[in-house]
Amino acid sequence: LTTHTIIDPGRIHILTVHKHTVQTHFINIYLGPTYTTDITKEVLRCIANFLMHHPGNAIMLGDFTFVPLDEARFDLITTTDNHQATAVPTFFDNLFHDYTEISQPSYTRKQIRDGKISTLSRIDRIYTNRPAVELLDLHPHNADT
């Protein structure tokens, strides 16, 4: 049995798979670039609220639009790291403090300016609420193709 929950049509969807007494939630995220900081925080609150009221395994993946708190966007023109405002990454880290990223080191987004790649960032990510120790045993990996 599966259920589909829509947080924001076309952007945030949760597919829940019910198997015996266990639920697994797949949260597909696209935090649009037009979202303000307040809207982004509200959407993240809605996801956290859903997960709080529906315990189970969770895999949250997609386009987060912001880079992780401890990372930066890389500017190819100036060859410097550009650190963005920290309000949303800090909020995310505090809200989902018990989530682990299934990391891949490659940049997932290339920004084009004047027909040339100008900026690289890692905004597409996967997180899970499974314990890090369990993930190490499973050897998960992902790659950007």
Protein backbone atom coordinates (compact mmCIF):
# COMPACT_ATOMS: atom_id res chain seq x y z
CA LEU A 1 0.00 0.00 0.00
CA THR A 2 1.26 3.47 -0.80
CA THR A 3 -0.01 6.94 0.00
CA HIS A 4 0.86 10.20 -1.69
CA THR A 5 1.01 13.47 0.25
CA ILE A 6 1.45 16.78 -1.53
CA ILE A 7 3.04 19.59 0.46
CA ASP A 8 3.46 21.96 -2.51
CA PRO A 9 2.13 20.82 -5.92
CA GLY A 10 4.93 20.12 -8.38
CA ARG A 11 7.60 20.82 -5.78
CA ILE A 12 7.26 18.81 -2.57
CA HIS A 13 5.74 15.32 -2.61
CA ILE A 14 5.88 12.51 -0.08
CA LEU A 15 5.31 8.94 -1.16
CA THR A 16 4.81 6.58 1.76
CA VAL A 17 5.18 2.84 1.34
CA HIS A 18 3.42 0.82 4.02
CA LYS A 19 4.83 -2.67 4.57
CA HIS A 20 3.53 -4.62 7.56
CA THR A 21 4.15 -2.33 10.56
CA VAL A 22 6.88 -0.23 8.90
CA GLN A 23 6.42 2.94 6.88
CA THR A 24 9.04 4.35 4.55
CA HIS A 25 8.64 7.92 3.38
CA PHE A 26 10.27 9.13 0.17
CA ILE A 27 10.29 12.94 0.23
CA ASN A 28 10.92 14.48 -3.19
CA ILE A 29 12.05 18.08 -2.79
CA TYR A 30 12.36 20.93 -5.21
CA LEU A 31 12.83 24.14 -3.26
CA GLY A 32 12.25 26.62 -6.03
CA PRO A 33 14.68 29.47 -6.59
CA THR A 34 11.73 31.85 -6.30
CA TYR A 35 11.05 30.72 -2.72
CA THR A 36 11.84 33.39 -0.17
CA THR A 37 13.72 32.43 3.00
CA ASP A 38 10.42 32.47 4.92
CA ILE A 39 8.66 30.23 2.39
CA THR A 40 11.60 27.81 2.34
CA LYS A 41 11.55 27.60 6.13
CA GLU A 42 7.77 27.05 6.17
CA VAL A 43 8.01 24.23 3.60
CA LEU A 44 10.79 22.58 5.62
CA ARG A 45 8.65 22.94 8.77
CA CYS A 46 5.74 21.23 6.99
CA ILE A 47 7.99 18.30 6.01
CA ALA A 48 9.36 17.99 9.56
CA ASN A 49 5.83 18.17 10.97
CA PHE A 50 4.64 15.43 8.63
CA LEU A 51 7.57 13.19 9.61
CA MET A 52 7.01 13.85 13.30
CA HIS A 53 3.38 12.69 13.01
CA HIS A 54 4.19 9.75 10.71
CA PRO A 55 7.14 7.89 12.21
CA GLY A 56 9.14 5.54 10.02
CA ASN A 57 12.09 5.42 7.70
CA ALA A 58 12.61 8.57 5.67
CA ILE A 59 14.61 9.32 2.57
CA MET A 60 14.61 12.99 1.58
CA LEU A 61 16.07 13.79 -1.81
CA GLY A 62 16.05 16.42 -4.47
CA ASP A 63 17.01 19.98 -5.30
CA PHE A 64 17.51 21.91 -2.09
CA THR A 65 18.59 25.11 -3.91
CA PHE A 66 20.95 25.97 -1.01
CA VAL A 67 24.34 24.42 -0.37
CA PRO A 68 25.09 22.71 2.96
CA LEU A 69 26.20 24.95 5.80
CA ASP A 70 29.82 23.81 5.67
CA GLU A 71 30.15 24.20 1.89
CA ALA A 72 30.21 26.99 -0.69
CA ARG A 73 29.43 27.56 -4.33
CA PHE A 74 32.58 27.60 -6.43
CA ASP A 75 33.00 30.55 -8.79
CA LEU A 76 34.99 29.41 -11.83
CA ILE A 77 35.62 32.96 -13.03
CA THR A 78 37.25 34.21 -9.83
CA THR A 79 38.27 30.70 -8.64
CA THR A 80 36.89 31.45 -5.20
CA ASP A 81 34.37 29.88 -2.89
CA ASN A 82 31.23 31.98 -2.43
CA HIS A 83 29.58 31.38 0.90
CA GLN A 84 25.89 32.20 0.84
CA ALA A 85 23.66 33.49 3.59
CA THR A 86 23.46 30.88 6.34
CA ALA A 87 19.85 31.35 7.48
CA VAL A 88 18.32 28.46 5.50
CA PRO A 89 21.20 25.94 5.84
CA THR A 90 21.36 26.62 9.59
CA PHE A 91 17.59 26.23 9.89
CA PHE A 92 17.71 22.97 7.91
CA ASP A 93 20.57 21.57 10.02
CA ASN A 94 18.72 22.41 13.23
CA LEU A 95 15.39 21.03 12.02
CA PHE A 96 16.83 17.80 10.60
CA HIS A 97 19.71 17.39 13.04
CA ASP A 98 19.16 13.64 13.24
CA TYR A 99 19.40 13.11 9.47
CA THR A 100 22.49 11.87 7.67
CA GLU A 101 23.46 12.86 4.16
CA ILE A 102 24.28 10.07 1.75
CA SER A 103 27.06 12.13 0.32
CA GLN A 104 28.55 12.36 -3.10
CA PRO A 105 31.39 14.81 -3.58
CA SER A 106 30.62 16.00 -7.12
CA TYR A 107 29.01 19.30 -7.93
CA THR A 108 25.41 18.78 -9.03
CA ARG A 109 24.65 22.16 -10.57
CA LYS A 110 26.39 24.29 -13.16
CA GLN A 111 25.27 27.88 -13.52
CA ILE A 112 25.73 29.38 -16.98
CA ARG A 113 26.47 33.09 -17.47
CA ASP A 114 27.19 34.57 -20.88
CA GLY A 115 27.29 31.10 -22.40
CA LYS A 116 29.97 29.84 -20.01
CA ILE A 117 29.86 27.79 -16.84
CA SER A 118 30.37 30.33 -14.07
CA THR A 119 29.47 28.61 -10.82
CA LEU A 120 29.42 25.07 -9.49
CA SER A 121 27.44 23.94 -6.45
CA ARG A 122 26.16 20.82 -4.72
CA ILE A 123 22.45 21.54 -4.26
CA ASP A 124 21.05 18.10 -5.14
CA ARG A 125 21.33 15.84 -2.12
CA ILE A 126 19.93 12.79 -0.33
CA TYR A 127 19.28 12.57 3.42
CA THR A 128 17.94 9.78 5.58
CA ASN A 129 16.94 9.35 9.20
CA ARG A 130 18.66 5.96 9.38
CA PRO A 131 21.57 5.91 11.87
CA ALA A 132 24.99 6.68 10.37
CA VAL A 133 26.39 3.42 11.79
CA GLU A 134 23.74 1.46 9.88
CA LEU A 135 24.53 3.37 6.70
CA LEU A 136 28.22 2.55 7.04
CA ASP A 137 27.33 -1.14 7.23
CA LEU A 138 25.19 -0.85 4.09
CA HIS A 139 27.84 1.07 2.08
CA PRO A 140 25.37 3.38 0.31
CA HIS A 141 26.67 5.53 -2.50
CA ASN A 142 25.37 7.78 -5.17
CA ALA A 143 26.85 9.54 -8.13
CA ASP A 144 26.00 12.43 -10.37
CA THR A 145 25.93 11.40 -14.00
